[in-house]
Amino acid sequence: MMHIKYYTRPNCSLCTEGLVTLQLVQEDRNFTVEIINIEKDEALHEKYMLMIPVVEKDSDIIQYGALDYVTLMEALGE
């Protein structure tokens, strides 16, 4: 099964919206989501603080910022 990392942080409205979009894609694609709070890791915070939310698959960034269903569906296609 495919595994996706979702980088986020608390009180981020764009992250909340992005997670809803990712969950909609998850209804049509088979994958697990690991939600990672960047505020718990200084290196991740520095790397992603201006990009969140970030969707990563196999160490590659699929999309970040304002997430959209079509881009995620294509990137996570089986």
C-alpha atoms as a PDB file:
ATOM      1  CA  MET A   1       0.000   0.000   0.000  1.00  0.00           C
ATOM      2  CA  MET A   2       1.171   3.504  -0.819  1.00  0.00           C
ATOM      3  CA  HIS A   3       2.214   5.697   2.124  1.00  0.00           C
ATOM      4  CA  ILE A   4       1.885   9.494   2.087  1.00  0.00           C
ATOM      5  CA  LYS A   5       3.452  11.961   4.504  1.00  0.00           C
ATOM      6  CA  TYR A   6       1.418  15.081   5.232  1.00  0.00           C
ATOM      7  CA  TYR A   7       3.394  17.923   6.815  1.00  0.00           C
ATOM      8  CA  THR A   8       1.270  20.360   8.773  1.00  0.00           C
ATOM      9  CA  ARG A   9       1.100  22.365  11.988  1.00  0.00           C
ATOM     10  CA  PRO A  10      -1.613  23.379  14.453  1.00  0.00           C
ATOM     11  CA  ASN A  11      -3.848  26.379  13.718  1.00  0.00           C
ATOM     12  CA  CYS A  12      -3.174  26.304   9.981  1.00  0.00           C
ATOM     13  CA  SER A  13      -6.435  26.750   8.084  1.00  0.00           C
ATOM     14  CA  LEU A  14      -4.806  25.934   4.744  1.00  0.00           C
ATOM     15  CA  CYS A  15      -3.549  22.675   6.298  1.00  0.00           C
ATOM     16  CA  THR A  16      -7.045  21.780   7.504  1.00  0.00           C
ATOM     17  CA  GLU A  17      -8.486  22.410   4.040  1.00  0.00           C
ATOM     18  CA  GLY A  18      -5.646  20.454   2.449  1.00  0.00           C
ATOM     19  CA  LEU A  19      -6.272  17.446   4.675  1.00  0.00           C
ATOM     20  CA  VAL A  20      -9.929  17.392   3.637  1.00  0.00           C
ATOM     21  CA  THR A  21      -8.841  17.421  -0.019  1.00  0.00           C
ATOM     22  CA  LEU A  22      -6.326  14.635   0.628  1.00  0.00           C
ATOM     23  CA  GLN A  23      -9.005  12.565   2.370  1.00  0.00           C
ATOM     24  CA  LEU A  24     -11.311  13.007  -0.646  1.00  0.00           C
ATOM     25  CA  VAL A  25      -8.558  11.640  -2.878  1.00  0.00           C
ATOM     26  CA  GLN A  26      -8.052   8.793  -0.401  1.00  0.00           C
ATOM     27  CA  GLU A  27     -11.630   7.665  -1.066  1.00  0.00           C
ATOM     28  CA  ASP A  28     -10.605   6.905  -4.679  1.00  0.00           C
ATOM     29  CA  ARG A  29      -6.966   5.885  -4.184  1.00  0.00           C
ATOM     30  CA  ASN A  30      -5.548   3.311  -1.789  1.00  0.00           C
ATOM     31  CA  PHE A  31      -2.980   4.915   0.535  1.00  0.00           C
ATOM     32  CA  THR A  32      -2.228   5.639   4.168  1.00  0.00           C
ATOM     33  CA  VAL A  33      -1.523   9.119   5.495  1.00  0.00           C
ATOM     34  CA  GLU A  34       1.035   9.940   8.170  1.00  0.00           C
ATOM     35  CA  ILE A  35       0.337  13.393   9.614  1.00  0.00           C
ATOM     36  CA  ILE A  36       3.532  15.115  10.735  1.00  0.00           C
ATOM     37  CA  ASN A  37       3.526  18.260  12.874  1.00  0.00           C
ATOM     38  CA  ILE A  38       6.518  20.313  11.693  1.00  0.00           C
ATOM     39  CA  GLU A  39       6.602  22.222  14.979  1.00  0.00           C
ATOM     40  CA  LYS A  40       7.843  19.083  16.751  1.00  0.00           C
ATOM     41  CA  ASP A  41      11.023  18.899  14.652  1.00  0.00           C
ATOM     42  CA  GLU A  42      13.228  21.969  14.184  1.00  0.00           C
ATOM     43  CA  ALA A  43      14.721  20.750  10.889  1.00  0.00           C
ATOM     44  CA  LEU A  44      11.276  20.049   9.409  1.00  0.00           C
ATOM     45  CA  HIS A  45      10.004  23.400  10.669  1.00  0.00           C
ATOM     46  CA  GLU A  46      12.835  25.237   8.917  1.00  0.00           C
ATOM     47  CA  LYS A  47      12.383  23.199   5.735  1.00  0.00           C
ATOM     48  CA  TYR A  48       8.592  23.441   5.404  1.00  0.00           C
ATOM     49  CA  MET A  49       7.393  26.438   7.433  1.00  0.00           C
ATOM     50  CA  LEU A  50       6.645  28.555   4.363  1.00  0.00           C
ATOM     51  CA  MET A  51       5.337  25.647   2.280  1.00  0.00           C
ATOM     52  CA  ILE A  52       2.799  23.839   4.471  1.00  0.00           C
ATOM     53  CA  PRO A  53       0.773  21.847   3.920  1.00  0.00           C
ATOM     54  CA  VAL A  54       3.139  19.519   2.071  1.00  0.00           C
ATOM     55  CA  VAL A  55       2.198  16.143   0.558  1.00  0.00           C
ATOM     56  CA  GLU A  56       5.141  13.800   0.094  1.00  0.00           C
ATOM     57  CA  LYS A  57       5.325  10.378  -1.587  1.00  0.00           C
ATOM     58  CA  ASP A  58       8.529   8.318  -1.650  1.00  0.00           C
ATOM     59  CA  SER A  59      10.538  11.356  -0.446  1.00  0.00           C
ATOM     60  CA  ASP A  60       9.234  13.462  -3.362  1.00  0.00           C
ATOM     61  CA  ILE A  61       7.013  16.486  -2.795  1.00  0.00           C
ATOM     62  CA  ILE A  62       3.778  15.919  -4.719  1.00  0.00           C
ATOM     63  CA  GLN A  63       2.146  19.244  -3.881  1.00  0.00           C
ATOM     64  CA  TYR A  64       2.311  22.007  -1.290  1.00  0.00           C
ATOM     65  CA  GLY A  65       0.387  25.099  -0.272  1.00  0.00           C
ATOM     66  CA  ALA A  66      -3.138  25.184  -1.697  1.00  0.00           C
ATOM     67  CA  LEU A  67      -3.802  21.538  -2.560  1.00  0.00           C
ATOM     68  CA  ASP A  68      -6.115  20.562  -5.385  1.00  0.00           C
ATOM     69  CA  TYR A  69      -7.940  17.299  -6.002  1.00  0.00           C
ATOM     70  CA  VAL A  70      -6.958  16.821  -9.665  1.00  0.00           C
ATOM     71  CA  THR A  71      -3.212  17.252  -9.091  1.00  0.00           C
ATOM     72  CA  LEU A  72      -3.261  14.868  -6.138  1.00  0.00           C
ATOM     73  CA  MET A  73      -5.339  12.277  -8.026  1.00  0.00           C
ATOM     74  CA  GLU A  74      -2.897  12.301 -10.923  1.00  0.00           C
ATOM     75  CA  ALA A  75       0.175  12.161  -8.684  1.00  0.00           C
ATOM     76  CA  LEU A  76      -1.244   9.353  -6.569  1.00  0.00           C
ATOM     77  CA  GLY A  77      -2.691   7.349  -9.453  1.00  0.00           C
ATOM     78  CA  GLU A  78      -2.264   3.613  -9.296  1.00  0.00           C
END
